[in-house]
Amino acid sequence: MKLKNYMKEGQKLPLFGIGPYLIYGIGLFTAICIILFVYVLKIGKPDR
């Protein structure tokens, strides 16, 4: 059984365009920002 190739001859973008790449990029960026924010917030609090 051969997997179907959705790329046509000379086609530059995959079948779904750049949407999935944007979603993964934005998700990764958001996760990094949340982790950094929590880390900085934890360091910025004074000890009581």
PDB file of N, CA and C in Angstrom:
ATOM      1  N   MET A   1       0.847  -1.189   0.000  1.00  0.00           N
ATOM      2  CA  MET A   1       0.000   0.000   0.000  1.00  0.00           C
ATOM      3  C   MET A   1       0.891   1.251   0.000  1.00  0.00           C
ATOM      4  N   LYS A   2       0.695   2.082  -0.975  1.00  0.00           N
ATOM      5  CA  LYS A   2       1.500   3.295  -1.096  1.00  0.00           C
ATOM      6  C   LYS A   2       0.715   4.475  -0.552  1.00  0.00           C
ATOM      7  N   LEU A   3       1.371   5.327   0.222  1.00  0.00           N
ATOM      8  CA  LEU A   3       0.713   6.523   0.738  1.00  0.00           C
ATOM      9  C   LEU A   3       0.503   7.512  -0.395  1.00  0.00           C
ATOM     10  N   LYS A   4      -0.653   8.161  -0.357  1.00  0.00           N
ATOM     11  CA  LYS A   4      -0.969   9.129  -1.405  1.00  0.00           C
ATOM     12  C   LYS A   4      -0.189  10.414  -1.171  1.00  0.00           C
ATOM     13  N   ASN A   5       0.409  10.916  -2.231  1.00  0.00           N
ATOM     14  CA  ASN A   5       1.159  12.162  -2.150  1.00  0.00           C
ATOM     15  C   ASN A   5       0.243  13.296  -2.607  1.00  0.00           C
ATOM     16  N   TYR A   6      -0.019  14.248  -1.722  1.00  0.00           N
ATOM     17  CA  TYR A   6      -0.926  15.343  -2.050  1.00  0.00           C
ATOM     18  C   TYR A   6      -0.224  16.491  -2.763  1.00  0.00           C
ATOM     19  N   MET A   7       1.074  16.390  -2.947  1.00  0.00           N
ATOM     20  CA  MET A   7       1.816  17.436  -3.655  1.00  0.00           C
ATOM     21  C   MET A   7       1.685  17.197  -5.156  1.00  0.00           C
ATOM     22  N   LYS A   8       1.315  18.237  -5.874  1.00  0.00           N
ATOM     23  CA  LYS A   8       1.256  18.146  -7.325  1.00  0.00           C
ATOM     24  C   LYS A   8       2.605  18.572  -7.896  1.00  0.00           C
ATOM     25  N   GLU A   9       2.837  18.221  -9.122  1.00  0.00           N
ATOM     26  CA  GLU A   9       4.090  18.588  -9.781  1.00  0.00           C
ATOM     27  C   GLU A   9       4.218  20.111  -9.843  1.00  0.00           C
ATOM     28  N   GLY A  10       5.284  20.644  -9.291  1.00  0.00           N
ATOM     29  CA  GLY A  10       5.503  22.078  -9.320  1.00  0.00           C
ATOM     30  C   GLY A  10       4.782  22.855  -8.230  1.00  0.00           C
ATOM     31  N   GLN A  11       4.074  22.170  -7.345  1.00  0.00           N
ATOM     32  CA  GLN A  11       3.334  22.850  -6.277  1.00  0.00           C
ATOM     33  C   GLN A  11       4.305  23.220  -5.161  1.00  0.00           C
ATOM     34  N   LYS A  12       4.219  24.456  -4.695  1.00  0.00           N
ATOM     35  CA  LYS A  12       5.156  24.918  -3.682  1.00  0.00           C
ATOM     36  C   LYS A  12       4.623  24.740  -2.257  1.00  0.00           C
ATOM     37  N   LEU A  13       3.316  24.840  -2.059  1.00  0.00           N
ATOM     38  CA  LEU A  13       2.726  24.699  -0.730  1.00  0.00           C
ATOM     39  C   LEU A  13       2.063  23.326  -0.587  1.00  0.00           C
ATOM     40  N   PRO A  14       2.060  22.764   0.618  1.00  0.00           N
ATOM     41  CA  PRO A  14       1.338  21.508   0.828  1.00  0.00           C
ATOM     42  C   PRO A  14      -0.172  21.712   0.709  1.00  0.00           C
ATOM     43  N   LEU A  15      -0.913  20.621   0.810  1.00  0.00           N
ATOM     44  CA  LEU A  15      -2.362  20.640   0.600  1.00  0.00           C
ATOM     45  C   LEU A  15      -3.065  21.643   1.506  1.00  0.00           C
ATOM     46  N   PHE A  16      -2.661  21.723   2.764  1.00  0.00           N
ATOM     47  CA  PHE A  16      -3.352  22.578   3.729  1.00  0.00           C
ATOM     48  C   PHE A  16      -2.730  23.968   3.827  1.00  0.00           C
ATOM     49  N   GLY A  17      -1.793  24.307   2.950  1.00  0.00           N
ATOM     50  CA  GLY A  17      -1.171  25.624   2.985  1.00  0.00           C
ATOM     51  C   GLY A  17      -0.235  25.762   4.173  1.00  0.00           C
ATOM     52  N   ILE A  18      -0.093  26.988   4.664  1.00  0.00           N
ATOM     53  CA  ILE A  18       0.826  27.216   5.778  1.00  0.00           C
ATOM     54  C   ILE A  18       0.103  27.241   7.116  1.00  0.00           C
ATOM     55  N   GLY A  19      -1.188  26.978   7.120  1.00  0.00           N
ATOM     56  CA  GLY A  19      -1.989  27.016   8.347  1.00  0.00           C
ATOM     57  C   GLY A  19      -1.426  26.172   9.484  1.00  0.00           C
ATOM     58  N   PRO A  20      -1.160  24.887   9.245  1.00  0.00           N
ATOM     59  CA  PRO A  20      -0.623  24.049  10.338  1.00  0.00           C
ATOM     60  C   PRO A  20       0.690  24.576  10.899  1.00  0.00           C
ATOM     61  N   TYR A  21       1.548  25.111  10.027  1.00  0.00           N
ATOM     62  CA  TYR A  21       2.823  25.655  10.513  1.00  0.00           C
ATOM     63  C   TYR A  21       2.583  26.870  11.401  1.00  0.00           C
ATOM     64  N   LEU A  22       1.621  27.711  11.032  1.00  0.00           N
ATOM     65  CA  LEU A  22       1.301  28.878  11.857  1.00  0.00           C
ATOM     66  C   LEU A  22       0.747  28.449  13.207  1.00  0.00           C
ATOM     67  N   ILE A  23      -0.140  27.466  13.217  1.00  0.00           N
ATOM     68  CA  ILE A  23      -0.736  26.994  14.467  1.00  0.00           C
ATOM     69  C   ILE A  23       0.346  26.443  15.395  1.00  0.00           C
ATOM     70  N   TYR A  24       1.233  25.603  14.851  1.00  0.00           N
ATOM     71  CA  TYR A  24       2.297  25.041  15.693  1.00  0.00           C
ATOM     72  C   TYR A  24       3.248  26.123  16.173  1.00  0.00           C
ATOM     73  N   GLY A  25       3.569  27.064  15.312  1.00  0.00           N
ATOM     74  CA  GLY A  25       4.473  28.147  15.694  1.00  0.00           C
ATOM     75  C   GLY A  25       3.884  29.027  16.783  1.00  0.00           C
ATOM     76  N   ILE A  26       2.616  29.394  16.626  1.00  0.00           N
ATOM     77  CA  ILE A  26       1.951  30.234  17.629  1.00  0.00           C
ATOM     78  C   ILE A  26       1.809  29.470  18.944  1.00  0.00           C
ATOM     79  N   GLY A  27       1.485  28.184  18.869  1.00  0.00           N
ATOM     80  CA  GLY A  27       1.362  27.371  20.084  1.00  0.00           C
ATOM     81  C   GLY A  27       2.679  27.254  20.825  1.00  0.00           C
ATOM     82  N   LEU A  28       3.757  27.032  20.095  1.00  0.00           N
ATOM     83  CA  LEU A  28       5.076  26.932  20.724  1.00  0.00           C
ATOM     84  C   LEU A  28       5.482  28.265  21.336  1.00  0.00           C
ATOM     85  N   PHE A  29       5.250  29.355  20.619  1.00  0.00           N
ATOM     86  CA  PHE A  29       5.569  30.685  21.123  1.00  0.00           C
ATOM     87  C   PHE A  29       4.777  30.980  22.405  1.00  0.00           C
ATOM     88  N   THR A  30       3.493  30.627  22.408  1.00  0.00           N
ATOM     89  CA  THR A  30       2.648  30.861  23.584  1.00  0.00           C
ATOM     90  C   THR A  30       3.137  30.052  24.778  1.00  0.00           C
ATOM     91  N   ALA A  31       3.490  28.793  24.546  1.00  0.00           N
ATOM     92  CA  ALA A  31       3.978  27.949  25.640  1.00  0.00           C
ATOM     93  C   ALA A  31       5.269  28.516  26.233  1.00  0.00           C
ATOM     94  N   ILE A  32       6.177  28.961  25.369  1.00  0.00           N
ATOM     95  CA  ILE A  32       7.432  29.541  25.859  1.00  0.00           C
ATOM     96  C   ILE A  32       7.161  30.809  26.660  1.00  0.00           C
ATOM     97  N   CYS A  33       6.245  31.647  26.173  1.00  0.00           N
ATOM     98  CA  CYS A  33       5.919  32.886  26.890  1.00  0.00           C
ATOM     99  C   CYS A  33       5.304  32.596  28.254  1.00  0.00           C
ATOM    100  N   ILE A  34       4.416  31.613  28.333  1.00  0.00           N
ATOM    101  CA  ILE A  34       3.785  31.267  29.615  1.00  0.00           C
ATOM    102  C   ILE A  34       4.840  30.759  30.594  1.00  0.00           C
ATOM    103  N   ILE A  35       5.736  29.896  30.113  1.00  0.00           N
ATOM    104  CA  ILE A  35       6.779  29.355  30.992  1.00  0.00           C
ATOM    105  C   ILE A  35       7.686  30.475  31.492  1.00  0.00           C
ATOM    106  N   LEU A  36       8.104  31.359  30.592  1.00  0.00           N
ATOM    107  CA  LEU A  36       8.967  32.470  31.003  1.00  0.00           C
ATOM    108  C   LEU A  36       8.240  33.409  31.961  1.00  0.00           C
ATOM    109  N   PHE A  37       6.969  33.688  31.703  1.00  0.00           N
ATOM    110  CA  PHE A  37       6.197  34.581  32.566  1.00  0.00           C
ATOM    111  C   PHE A  37       6.089  34.015  33.975  1.00  0.00           C
ATOM    112  N   VAL A  38       5.782  32.723  34.077  1.00  0.00           N
ATOM    113  CA  VAL A  38       5.665  32.092  35.403  1.00  0.00           C
ATOM    114  C   VAL A  38       7.018  32.100  36.099  1.00  0.00           C
ATOM    115  N   TYR A  39       8.093  31.831  35.362  1.00  0.00           N
ATOM    116  CA  TYR A  39       9.433  31.810  35.940  1.00  0.00           C
ATOM    117  C   TYR A  39       9.831  33.205  36.441  1.00  0.00           C
ATOM    118  N   VAL A  40       9.584  34.221  35.633  1.00  0.00           N
ATOM    119  CA  VAL A  40       9.928  35.594  36.017  1.00  0.00           C
ATOM    120  C   VAL A  40       9.043  36.061  37.167  1.00  0.00           C
ATOM    121  N   LEU A  41       7.773  35.704  37.136  1.00  0.00           N
ATOM    122  CA  LEU A  41       6.845  36.093  38.205  1.00  0.00           C
ATOM    123  C   LEU A  41       7.284  35.468  39.519  1.00  0.00           C
ATOM    124  N   LYS A  42       7.728  34.198  39.481  1.00  0.00           N
ATOM    125  CA  LYS A  42       8.171  33.521  40.691  1.00  0.00           C
ATOM    126  C   LYS A  42       9.417  34.199  41.264  1.00  0.00           C
ATOM    127  N   ILE A  43      10.323  34.605  40.386  1.00  0.00           N
ATOM    128  CA  ILE A  43      11.572  35.234  40.840  1.00  0.00           C
ATOM    129  C   ILE A  43      11.269  36.655  41.358  1.00  0.00           C
ATOM    130  N   GLY A  44      10.298  37.339  40.746  1.00  0.00           N
ATOM    131  CA  GLY A  44      10.023  38.721  41.105  1.00  0.00           C
ATOM    132  C   GLY A  44       9.296  38.909  42.436  1.00  0.00           C
ATOM    133  N   LYS A  45       8.708  37.836  42.974  1.00  0.00           N
ATOM    134  CA  LYS A  45       7.990  37.957  44.241  1.00  0.00           C
ATOM    135  C   LYS A  45       8.962  38.026  45.415  1.00  0.00           C
ATOM    136  N   PRO A  46       8.744  38.941  46.343  1.00  0.00           N
ATOM    137  CA  PRO A  46       9.607  38.965  47.529  1.00  0.00           C
ATOM    138  C   PRO A  46       9.265  37.803  48.478  1.00  0.00           C
ATOM    139  N   ASP A  47      10.253  37.273  49.140  1.00  0.00           N
ATOM    140  CA  ASP A  47      10.034  36.191  50.096  1.00  0.00           C
ATOM    141  C   ASP A  47       9.453  36.755  51.379  1.00  0.00           C
ATOM    142  N   ARG A  48       8.433  36.096  51.890  1.00  0.00           N
ATOM    143  CA  ARG A  48       7.820  36.521  53.155  1.00  0.00           C
ATOM    144  C   ARG A  48       7.807  35.397  54.138  1.00  0.00           C
TER     145      ARG A  48
END
